Amino acid sequence: MAAETIPTIERHARALALSVGFFTRLPTKHLETIEDQDMGRALVYLPLVGLIIGLLAAGGSLLLSAVLSGWHGSLTAVHLSLIGVTAFTLVTLVSGGLHLDGLGDCADAWVGGLGDKERTLTIMKDPVCGPMAVMVVVLVLVIKASAVVGLAISENWLPLLLIPVLSRSAGMALFLTTNYVRPKGLGQTFSNFCSDAVTRYECCVALTAGVVIPAFLLASAWPALGLAALVWHGLRQQTVKRLDGFTGDVCGAVIEIIEALLFLTVALFI
């Protein structure tokens, strides 16, 4: 039993370290040998990575709030706004811009691709950032920043903790429901992992927890959650129509769009 348990724990520990290292800019233990199953299993921990980001943002905000409260005696709207900006900065910097890069690539490709699959995929691989990418990324960041500041002013930290979990669960759901169309892309290993029955079950369990638990805790904002589900479905339909599936860039774009939408609508409903 112990001989079987230890390797299993080790495999999941490696996968968690890889997930944190790949999807964030947080330092993790260097792994000298990485196997495909390790990288594939890292997808299981994508919602947990969202929770780690949420914990850092919400925890940092609460700590700053406590420091400012002790210093000034009470918090003004200006203080709370600055706390919100700090929380937004943490969410953005910890993720390292990985998903924003996908959002920008998709914005350029969807406009420049002119409805053609191969042209769209080619533009996505182009490292040059076009005007559409800049505009969309800036708009998403402004929306997200404004919403996070609004949540900070109302001193509602729970959405800041849970929304990164939901947004990354939305990205994970693409791997479980949609065909991956770039054979040599970074996401191919994740897609292959989801095709195995046992490991697919692990992803389904993680996805269920990553959606159901935050949704239950944010039940008072159910219209926002319902709208996010509809938007996710619409984005999936669009990428299937255009590309016959999705790519890693599309996954990143979905994560960013759903996260910005959730922050905005939850801030309005709560």
C-alpha atoms as a PDB file:
ATOM      1  CA  MET A   1       0.000   0.000   0.000  1.00  0.00           C
ATOM      2  CA  ALA A   2       2.712   2.460   1.018  1.00  0.00           C
ATOM      3  CA  ALA A   3       4.801   1.594  -2.018  1.00  0.00           C
ATOM      4  CA  GLU A   4       1.845   2.430  -4.251  1.00  0.00           C
ATOM      5  CA  THR A   5       0.768   5.519  -2.329  1.00  0.00           C
ATOM      6  CA  ILE A   6       4.125   7.298  -2.294  1.00  0.00           C
ATOM      7  CA  PRO A   7       4.612   7.311  -6.090  1.00  0.00           C
ATOM      8  CA  THR A   8       1.027   8.544  -6.524  1.00  0.00           C
ATOM      9  CA  ILE A   9       1.591  11.421  -4.093  1.00  0.00           C
ATOM     10  CA  GLU A  10       4.886  12.209  -5.801  1.00  0.00           C
ATOM     11  CA  ARG A  11       3.257  12.303  -9.242  1.00  0.00           C
ATOM     12  CA  HIS A  12       0.568  14.705  -8.066  1.00  0.00           C
ATOM     13  CA  ALA A  13       3.138  16.862  -6.245  1.00  0.00           C
ATOM     14  CA  ARG A  14       5.154  17.116  -9.452  1.00  0.00           C
ATOM     15  CA  ALA A  15       2.033  17.975 -11.407  1.00  0.00           C
ATOM     16  CA  LEU A  16       1.044  20.673  -8.915  1.00  0.00           C
ATOM     17  CA  ALA A  17       4.538  22.192  -9.061  1.00  0.00           C
ATOM     18  CA  LEU A  18       4.402  22.166 -12.856  1.00  0.00           C
ATOM     19  CA  SER A  19       0.941  23.726 -12.883  1.00  0.00           C
ATOM     20  CA  VAL A  20       2.006  26.567 -10.595  1.00  0.00           C
ATOM     21  CA  GLY A  21       5.229  27.048 -12.545  1.00  0.00           C
ATOM     22  CA  PHE A  22       3.514  27.009 -15.940  1.00  0.00           C
ATOM     23  CA  PHE A  23       0.391  29.047 -15.214  1.00  0.00           C
ATOM     24  CA  THR A  24       1.910  31.623 -12.843  1.00  0.00           C
ATOM     25  CA  ARG A  25       5.162  33.449 -12.247  1.00  0.00           C
ATOM     26  CA  LEU A  26       5.502  32.027  -8.739  1.00  0.00           C
ATOM     27  CA  PRO A  27       8.799  30.235  -8.065  1.00  0.00           C
ATOM     28  CA  THR A  28       8.489  26.467  -7.800  1.00  0.00           C
ATOM     29  CA  LYS A  29      10.896  23.620  -7.232  1.00  0.00           C
ATOM     30  CA  HIS A  30      12.928  22.897 -10.350  1.00  0.00           C
ATOM     31  CA  LEU A  31      12.158  19.474 -11.772  1.00  0.00           C
ATOM     32  CA  GLU A  32      15.066  17.959 -13.664  1.00  0.00           C
ATOM     33  CA  THR A  33      12.950  15.344 -15.402  1.00  0.00           C
ATOM     34  CA  ILE A  34       9.482  16.116 -16.738  1.00  0.00           C
ATOM     35  CA  GLU A  35       7.384  13.402 -18.331  1.00  0.00           C
ATOM     36  CA  ASP A  36       4.319  13.903 -20.501  1.00  0.00           C
ATOM     37  CA  GLN A  37       1.988  12.528 -17.838  1.00  0.00           C
ATOM     38  CA  ASP A  38       3.382  15.041 -15.338  1.00  0.00           C
ATOM     39  CA  MET A  39       2.701  17.942 -17.683  1.00  0.00           C
ATOM     40  CA  GLY A  40      -0.679  16.542 -18.635  1.00  0.00           C
ATOM     41  CA  ARG A  41      -1.738  16.038 -15.024  1.00  0.00           C
ATOM     42  CA  ALA A  42      -0.817  19.686 -14.336  1.00  0.00           C
ATOM     43  CA  LEU A  43      -4.145  20.561 -15.972  1.00  0.00           C
ATOM     44  CA  VAL A  44      -5.965  18.977 -13.004  1.00  0.00           C
ATOM     45  CA  TYR A  45      -4.588  21.698 -10.767  1.00  0.00           C
ATOM     46  CA  LEU A  46      -5.548  24.675 -12.927  1.00  0.00           C
ATOM     47  CA  PRO A  47      -8.531  25.601 -10.675  1.00  0.00           C
ATOM     48  CA  LEU A  48      -6.217  25.285  -7.655  1.00  0.00           C
ATOM     49  CA  VAL A  49      -3.793  27.678  -9.340  1.00  0.00           C
ATOM     50  CA  GLY A  50      -6.701  30.104  -9.591  1.00  0.00           C
ATOM     51  CA  LEU A  51      -7.306  29.669  -5.862  1.00  0.00           C
ATOM     52  CA  ILE A  52      -3.648  30.401  -5.123  1.00  0.00           C
ATOM     53  CA  ILE A  53      -3.873  33.603  -7.164  1.00  0.00           C
ATOM     54  CA  GLY A  54      -7.094  34.542  -5.383  1.00  0.00           C
ATOM     55  CA  LEU A  55      -5.542  33.856  -1.975  1.00  0.00           C
ATOM     56  CA  LEU A  56      -2.568  36.083  -2.762  1.00  0.00           C
ATOM     57  CA  ALA A  57      -4.780  38.902  -4.032  1.00  0.00           C
ATOM     58  CA  ALA A  58      -7.400  38.707  -1.271  1.00  0.00           C
ATOM     59  CA  GLY A  59      -4.820  38.027   1.439  1.00  0.00           C
ATOM     60  CA  GLY A  60      -2.625  40.880   0.280  1.00  0.00           C
ATOM     61  CA  SER A  61      -5.619  43.200   0.204  1.00  0.00           C
ATOM     62  CA  LEU A  62      -6.718  42.246   3.706  1.00  0.00           C
ATOM     63  CA  LEU A  63      -3.188  42.683   5.022  1.00  0.00           C
ATOM     64  CA  LEU A  64      -2.873  46.123   3.425  1.00  0.00           C
ATOM     65  CA  SER A  65      -6.327  47.015   4.748  1.00  0.00           C
ATOM     66  CA  ALA A  66      -5.292  46.037   8.275  1.00  0.00           C
ATOM     67  CA  VAL A  67      -2.058  48.046   8.040  1.00  0.00           C
ATOM     68  CA  LEU A  68      -3.824  51.148   6.750  1.00  0.00           C
ATOM     69  CA  SER A  69      -6.594  50.798   9.341  1.00  0.00           C
ATOM     70  CA  GLY A  70      -4.024  50.631  12.142  1.00  0.00           C
ATOM     71  CA  TRP A  71      -2.172  53.577  10.703  1.00  0.00           C
ATOM     72  CA  HIS A  72      -5.075  55.892   9.928  1.00  0.00           C
ATOM     73  CA  GLY A  73      -7.737  54.565  12.267  1.00  0.00           C
ATOM     74  CA  SER A  74     -10.308  54.219   9.503  1.00  0.00           C
ATOM     75  CA  LEU A  75     -10.277  53.609   5.765  1.00  0.00           C
ATOM     76  CA  THR A  76     -11.485  56.227   3.326  1.00  0.00           C
ATOM     77  CA  ALA A  77     -12.695  55.591  -0.227  1.00  0.00           C
ATOM     78  CA  VAL A  78      -9.246  56.618  -1.446  1.00  0.00           C
ATOM     79  CA  HIS A  79      -7.579  53.999   0.744  1.00  0.00           C
ATOM     80  CA  LEU A  80      -9.975  51.305  -0.424  1.00  0.00           C
ATOM     81  CA  SER A  81      -9.461  52.300  -4.044  1.00  0.00           C
ATOM     82  CA  LEU A  82      -5.699  51.942  -3.646  1.00  0.00           C
ATOM     83  CA  ILE A  83      -6.222  48.547  -2.009  1.00  0.00           C
ATOM     84  CA  GLY A  84      -8.324  47.550  -5.025  1.00  0.00           C
ATOM     85  CA  VAL A  85      -5.594  48.673  -7.423  1.00  0.00           C
ATOM     86  CA  THR A  86      -3.106  46.607  -5.417  1.00  0.00           C
ATOM     87  CA  ALA A  87      -5.360  43.548  -5.610  1.00  0.00           C
ATOM     88  CA  PHE A  88      -5.769  43.966  -9.378  1.00  0.00           C
ATOM     89  CA  THR A  89      -2.007  44.333  -9.761  1.00  0.00           C
ATOM     90  CA  LEU A  90      -1.405  41.129  -7.825  1.00  0.00           C
ATOM     91  CA  VAL A  91      -3.912  39.175  -9.940  1.00  0.00           C
ATOM     92  CA  THR A  92      -2.292  40.449 -13.128  1.00  0.00           C
ATOM     93  CA  LEU A  93       1.367  40.080 -12.164  1.00  0.00           C
ATOM     94  CA  VAL A  94       1.080  36.635 -10.581  1.00  0.00           C
ATOM     95  CA  SER A  95      -0.429  35.208 -13.773  1.00  0.00           C
ATOM     96  CA  GLY A  96       2.485  36.716 -15.691  1.00  0.00           C
ATOM     97  CA  GLY A  97       0.391  37.884 -18.641  1.00  0.00           C
ATOM     98  CA  LEU A  98       0.199  34.337 -20.032  1.00  0.00           C
ATOM     99  CA  HIS A  99      -3.531  34.466 -20.693  1.00  0.00           C
ATOM    100  CA  LEU A 100      -3.433  38.116 -21.784  1.00  0.00           C
ATOM    101  CA  ASP A 101      -1.019  37.065 -24.516  1.00  0.00           C
ATOM    102  CA  GLY A 102      -3.598  34.560 -25.748  1.00  0.00           C
ATOM    103  CA  LEU A 103      -6.305  37.208 -25.630  1.00  0.00           C
ATOM    104  CA  GLY A 104      -4.218  39.589 -27.746  1.00  0.00           C
ATOM    105  CA  ASP A 105      -3.325  36.883 -30.269  1.00  0.00           C
ATOM    106  CA  CYS A 106      -6.983  35.909 -30.636  1.00  0.00           C
ATOM    107  CA  ALA A 107      -8.096  39.523 -31.063  1.00  0.00           C
ATOM    108  CA  ASP A 108      -5.658  40.012 -33.958  1.00  0.00           C
ATOM    109  CA  ALA A 109      -6.428  36.616 -35.498  1.00  0.00           C
ATOM    110  CA  TRP A 110     -10.208  36.886 -35.335  1.00  0.00           C
ATOM    111  CA  VAL A 111     -10.129  40.211 -37.195  1.00  0.00           C
ATOM    112  CA  GLY A 112      -7.237  39.533 -39.553  1.00  0.00           C
ATOM    113  CA  GLY A 113      -8.192  35.924 -40.230  1.00  0.00           C
ATOM    114  CA  LEU A 114     -11.254  37.010 -42.216  1.00  0.00           C
ATOM    115  CA  GLY A 115     -13.092  33.826 -41.304  1.00  0.00           C
ATOM    116  CA  ASP A 116     -10.406  31.514 -42.711  1.00  0.00           C
ATOM    117  CA  LYS A 117      -9.142  28.782 -40.380  1.00  0.00           C
ATOM    118  CA  GLU A 118      -5.540  28.537 -41.609  1.00  0.00           C
ATOM    119  CA  ARG A 119      -5.104  32.312 -41.815  1.00  0.00           C
ATOM    120  CA  THR A 120      -6.476  32.665 -38.290  1.00  0.00           C
ATOM    121  CA  LEU A 121      -4.091  30.028 -36.908  1.00  0.00           C
ATOM    122  CA  THR A 122      -1.156  31.640 -38.706  1.00  0.00           C
ATOM    123  CA  ILE A 123      -1.881  35.085 -37.254  1.00  0.00           C
ATOM    124  CA  MET A 124      -2.159  33.577 -33.765  1.00  0.00           C
ATOM    125  CA  LYS A 125       1.439  32.356 -34.046  1.00  0.00           C
ATOM    126  CA  ASP A 126       2.722  35.782 -35.120  1.00  0.00           C
ATOM    127  CA  PRO A 127       4.579  37.371 -32.150  1.00  0.00           C
ATOM    128  CA  VAL A 128       3.829  40.878 -33.440  1.00  0.00           C
ATOM    129  CA  CYS A 129       1.078  42.626 -31.460  1.00  0.00           C
ATOM    130  CA  GLY A 130      -1.434  44.453 -33.683  1.00  0.00           C
ATOM    131  CA  PRO A 131      -3.692  47.400 -32.835  1.00  0.00           C
ATOM    132  CA  MET A 132      -6.717  45.169 -32.228  1.00  0.00           C
ATOM    133  CA  ALA A 133      -4.758  43.150 -29.675  1.00  0.00           C
ATOM    134  CA  VAL A 134      -3.673  46.288 -27.847  1.00  0.00           C
ATOM    135  CA  MET A 135      -7.195  47.672 -27.778  1.00  0.00           C
ATOM    136  CA  VAL A 136      -8.829  44.479 -26.515  1.00  0.00           C
ATOM    137  CA  VAL A 137      -6.181  43.803 -23.858  1.00  0.00           C
ATOM    138  CA  VAL A 138      -6.380  47.383 -22.562  1.00  0.00           C
ATOM    139  CA  LEU A 139     -10.180  47.269 -22.448  1.00  0.00           C
ATOM    140  CA  VAL A 140     -10.214  43.977 -20.552  1.00  0.00           C
ATOM    141  CA  LEU A 141      -7.641  45.265 -18.062  1.00  0.00           C
ATOM    142  CA  VAL A 142      -9.578  48.510 -17.519  1.00  0.00           C
ATOM    143  CA  ILE A 143     -12.825  46.601 -16.947  1.00  0.00           C
ATOM    144  CA  LYS A 144     -11.141  44.204 -14.543  1.00  0.00           C
ATOM    145  CA  ALA A 145      -9.343  46.963 -12.640  1.00  0.00           C
ATOM    146  CA  SER A 146     -12.515  49.040 -12.276  1.00  0.00           C
ATOM    147  CA  ALA A 147     -14.502  46.072 -11.010  1.00  0.00           C
ATOM    148  CA  VAL A 148     -11.822  45.002  -8.504  1.00  0.00           C
ATOM    149  CA  VAL A 149     -11.633  48.571  -7.168  1.00  0.00           C
ATOM    150  CA  GLY A 150     -15.424  48.530  -6.816  1.00  0.00           C
ATOM    151  CA  LEU A 151     -15.273  45.304  -4.813  1.00  0.00           C
ATOM    152  CA  ALA A 152     -12.541  46.783  -2.619  1.00  0.00           C
ATOM    153  CA  ILE A 153     -14.573  49.916  -1.920  1.00  0.00           C
ATOM    154  CA  SER A 154     -17.462  47.694  -0.788  1.00  0.00           C
ATOM    155  CA  GLU A 155     -14.908  45.626   1.191  1.00  0.00           C
ATOM    156  CA  ASN A 156     -16.156  42.423  -0.419  1.00  0.00           C
ATOM    157  CA  TRP A 157     -13.114  40.165  -0.696  1.00  0.00           C
ATOM    158  CA  LEU A 158     -14.766  36.795  -1.361  1.00  0.00           C
ATOM    159  CA  PRO A 159     -15.211  37.349  -5.137  1.00  0.00           C
ATOM    160  CA  LEU A 160     -11.550  38.307  -5.379  1.00  0.00           C
ATOM    161  CA  LEU A 161     -10.708  34.924  -3.888  1.00  0.00           C
ATOM    162  CA  LEU A 162     -13.106  32.825  -5.988  1.00  0.00           C
ATOM    163  CA  ILE A 163     -13.350  34.430  -9.432  1.00  0.00           C
ATOM    164  CA  PRO A 164      -9.817  33.357 -10.481  1.00  0.00           C
ATOM    165  CA  VAL A 165     -10.901  29.785  -9.692  1.00  0.00           C
ATOM    166  CA  LEU A 166     -14.003  30.083 -11.888  1.00  0.00           C
ATOM    167  CA  SER A 167     -12.176  31.696 -14.794  1.00  0.00           C
ATOM    168  CA  ARG A 168      -9.500  29.009 -14.876  1.00  0.00           C
ATOM    169  CA  SER A 169     -12.156  26.332 -14.561  1.00  0.00           C
ATOM    170  CA  ALA A 170     -13.701  27.850 -17.699  1.00  0.00           C
ATOM    171  CA  GLY A 171     -10.403  27.368 -19.505  1.00  0.00           C
ATOM    172  CA  MET A 172     -10.093  23.821 -18.205  1.00  0.00           C
ATOM    173  CA  ALA A 173     -13.607  23.047 -19.478  1.00  0.00           C
ATOM    174  CA  LEU A 174     -12.432  23.700 -23.045  1.00  0.00           C
ATOM    175  CA  PHE A 175      -9.935  20.851 -22.795  1.00  0.00           C
ATOM    176  CA  LEU A 176     -12.677  18.496 -21.611  1.00  0.00           C
ATOM    177  CA  THR A 177     -15.298  19.447 -24.192  1.00  0.00           C
ATOM    178  CA  THR A 178     -13.521  20.726 -27.298  1.00  0.00           C
ATOM    179  CA  ASN A 179     -11.064  19.426 -29.879  1.00  0.00           C
ATOM    180  CA  TYR A 180      -7.526  20.841 -29.714  1.00  0.00           C
ATOM    181  CA  VAL A 181      -6.515  21.837 -33.246  1.00  0.00           C
ATOM    182  CA  ARG A 182      -2.800  22.697 -33.081  1.00  0.00           C
ATOM    183  CA  PRO A 183      -0.967  19.320 -32.982  1.00  0.00           C
ATOM    184  CA  LYS A 184       2.409  20.758 -31.919  1.00  0.00           C
ATOM    185  CA  GLY A 185       1.009  23.418 -29.591  1.00  0.00           C
ATOM    186  CA  LEU A 186       1.746  23.662 -25.876  1.00  0.00           C
ATOM    187  CA  GLY A 187      -1.769  22.518 -25.062  1.00  0.00           C
ATOM    188  CA  GLN A 188      -1.495  19.223 -26.953  1.00  0.00           C
ATOM    189  CA  THR A 189      -0.100  17.440 -23.891  1.00  0.00           C
ATOM    190  CA  PHE A 190      -3.064  18.646 -21.822  1.00  0.00           C
ATOM    191  CA  SER A 191      -5.469  17.528 -24.546  1.00  0.00           C
ATOM    192  CA  ASN A 192      -3.881  14.071 -24.733  1.00  0.00           C
ATOM    193  CA  PHE A 193      -4.174  13.781 -20.963  1.00  0.00           C
ATOM    194  CA  CYS A 194      -7.921  14.463 -21.159  1.00  0.00           C
ATOM    195  CA  SER A 195      -8.413  11.666 -23.680  1.00  0.00           C
ATOM    196  CA  ASP A 196      -7.490   8.974 -21.147  1.00  0.00           C
ATOM    197  CA  ALA A 197     -10.500   7.693 -19.187  1.00  0.00           C
ATOM    198  CA  VAL A 198      -8.861   7.608 -15.737  1.00  0.00           C
ATOM    199  CA  THR A 199      -7.098  10.936 -15.990  1.00  0.00           C
ATOM    200  CA  ARG A 200     -10.144  12.522 -17.615  1.00  0.00           C
ATOM    201  CA  TYR A 201     -12.057  11.548 -14.490  1.00  0.00           C
ATOM    202  CA  GLU A 202      -9.511  13.440 -12.373  1.00  0.00           C
ATOM    203  CA  CYS A 203     -10.052  16.534 -14.511  1.00  0.00           C
ATOM    204  CA  CYS A 204     -13.838  16.215 -14.241  1.00  0.00           C
ATOM    205  CA  VAL A 205     -13.636  16.009 -10.443  1.00  0.00           C
ATOM    206  CA  ALA A 206     -11.355  19.061 -10.296  1.00  0.00           C
ATOM    207  CA  LEU A 207     -13.586  20.987 -12.702  1.00  0.00           C
ATOM    208  CA  THR A 208     -16.719  20.148 -10.726  1.00  0.00           C
ATOM    209  CA  ALA A 209     -15.118  21.350  -7.498  1.00  0.00           C
ATOM    210  CA  GLY A 210     -13.761  24.444  -9.241  1.00  0.00           C
ATOM    211  CA  VAL A 211     -17.218  25.446 -10.427  1.00  0.00           C
ATOM    212  CA  VAL A 212     -19.684  24.178  -7.841  1.00  0.00           C
ATOM    213  CA  ILE A 213     -17.928  25.371  -4.665  1.00  0.00           C
ATOM    214  CA  PRO A 214     -17.286  28.971  -5.841  1.00  0.00           C
ATOM    215  CA  ALA A 215     -20.772  29.157  -7.386  1.00  0.00           C
ATOM    216  CA  PHE A 216     -22.317  28.054  -4.086  1.00  0.00           C
ATOM    217  CA  LEU A 217     -20.335  30.641  -2.131  1.00  0.00           C
ATOM    218  CA  LEU A 218     -21.257  33.355  -4.637  1.00  0.00           C
ATOM    219  CA  ALA A 219     -24.894  32.273  -4.898  1.00  0.00           C
ATOM    220  CA  SER A 220     -26.129  35.832  -4.287  1.00  0.00           C
ATOM    221  CA  ALA A 221     -24.574  36.778  -7.641  1.00  0.00           C
ATOM    222  CA  TRP A 222     -26.289  33.996  -9.608  1.00  0.00           C
ATOM    223  CA  PRO A 223     -27.239  36.289 -12.544  1.00  0.00           C
ATOM    224  CA  ALA A 224     -23.528  37.037 -13.040  1.00  0.00           C
ATOM    225  CA  LEU A 225     -22.683  33.327 -12.936  1.00  0.00           C
ATOM    226  CA  GLY A 226     -25.467  32.507 -15.389  1.00  0.00           C
ATOM    227  CA  LEU A 227     -24.290  35.207 -17.786  1.00  0.00           C
ATOM    228  CA  ALA A 228     -20.718  33.914 -17.566  1.00  0.00           C
ATOM    229  CA  ALA A 229     -21.919  30.401 -18.450  1.00  0.00           C
ATOM    230  CA  LEU A 230     -23.771  31.738 -21.509  1.00  0.00           C
ATOM    231  CA  VAL A 231     -20.761  33.758 -22.640  1.00  0.00           C
ATOM    232  CA  TRP A 232     -18.496  30.712 -22.220  1.00  0.00           C
ATOM    233  CA  HIS A 233     -20.868  28.690 -24.399  1.00  0.00           C
ATOM    234  CA  GLY A 234     -20.932  31.443 -27.019  1.00  0.00           C
ATOM    235  CA  LEU A 235     -17.133  31.703 -27.090  1.00  0.00           C
ATOM    236  CA  ARG A 236     -16.827  27.943 -27.448  1.00  0.00           C
ATOM    237  CA  GLN A 237     -19.314  27.933 -30.320  1.00  0.00           C
ATOM    238  CA  GLN A 238     -17.378  30.691 -32.087  1.00  0.00           C
ATOM    239  CA  THR A 239     -14.025  28.914 -31.857  1.00  0.00           C
ATOM    240  CA  VAL A 240     -15.544  25.621 -33.023  1.00  0.00           C
ATOM    241  CA  LYS A 241     -17.159  27.412 -35.963  1.00  0.00           C
ATOM    242  CA  ARG A 242     -13.954  29.221 -36.935  1.00  0.00           C
ATOM    243  CA  LEU A 243     -11.258  26.669 -36.070  1.00  0.00           C
ATOM    244  CA  ASP A 244     -13.141  23.353 -35.649  1.00  0.00           C
ATOM    245  CA  GLY A 245     -11.772  23.414 -32.098  1.00  0.00           C
ATOM    246  CA  PHE A 246      -9.539  25.579 -29.963  1.00  0.00           C
ATOM    247  CA  THR A 247      -5.895  26.413 -29.224  1.00  0.00           C
ATOM    248  CA  GLY A 248      -3.935  27.468 -26.152  1.00  0.00           C
ATOM    249  CA  ASP A 249      -4.403  31.103 -27.180  1.00  0.00           C
ATOM    250  CA  VAL A 250      -8.172  30.611 -27.272  1.00  0.00           C
ATOM    251  CA  CYS A 251      -8.042  29.059 -23.802  1.00  0.00           C
ATOM    252  CA  GLY A 252      -6.141  32.072 -22.497  1.00  0.00           C
ATOM    253  CA  ALA A 253      -8.605  34.448 -24.128  1.00  0.00           C
ATOM    254  CA  VAL A 254     -11.565  32.603 -22.593  1.00  0.00           C
ATOM    255  CA  ILE A 255      -9.974  32.761 -19.137  1.00  0.00           C
ATOM    256  CA  GLU A 256      -9.391  36.516 -19.418  1.00  0.00           C
ATOM    257  CA  ILE A 257     -12.836  37.313 -20.844  1.00  0.00           C
ATOM    258  CA  ILE A 258     -14.707  35.208 -18.282  1.00  0.00           C
ATOM    259  CA  GLU A 259     -12.624  36.647 -15.439  1.00  0.00           C
ATOM    260  CA  ALA A 260     -13.242  40.263 -16.510  1.00  0.00           C
ATOM    261  CA  LEU A 261     -16.948  39.542 -17.029  1.00  0.00           C
ATOM    262  CA  LEU A 262     -17.287  37.900 -13.612  1.00  0.00           C
ATOM    263  CA  PHE A 263     -15.480  40.699 -11.805  1.00  0.00           C
ATOM    264  CA  LEU A 264     -17.664  43.292 -13.516  1.00  0.00           C
ATOM    265  CA  THR A 265     -21.029  41.588 -13.080  1.00  0.00           C
ATOM    266  CA  VAL A 266     -20.380  40.284  -9.565  1.00  0.00           C
ATOM    267  CA  ALA A 267     -19.351  43.796  -8.511  1.00  0.00           C
ATOM    268  CA  LEU A 268     -22.687  45.019  -9.870  1.00  0.00           C
ATOM    269  CA  PHE A 269     -24.870  42.293  -8.339  1.00  0.00           C
ATOM    270  CA  ILE A 270     -23.258  41.971  -4.881  1.00  0.00           C
END
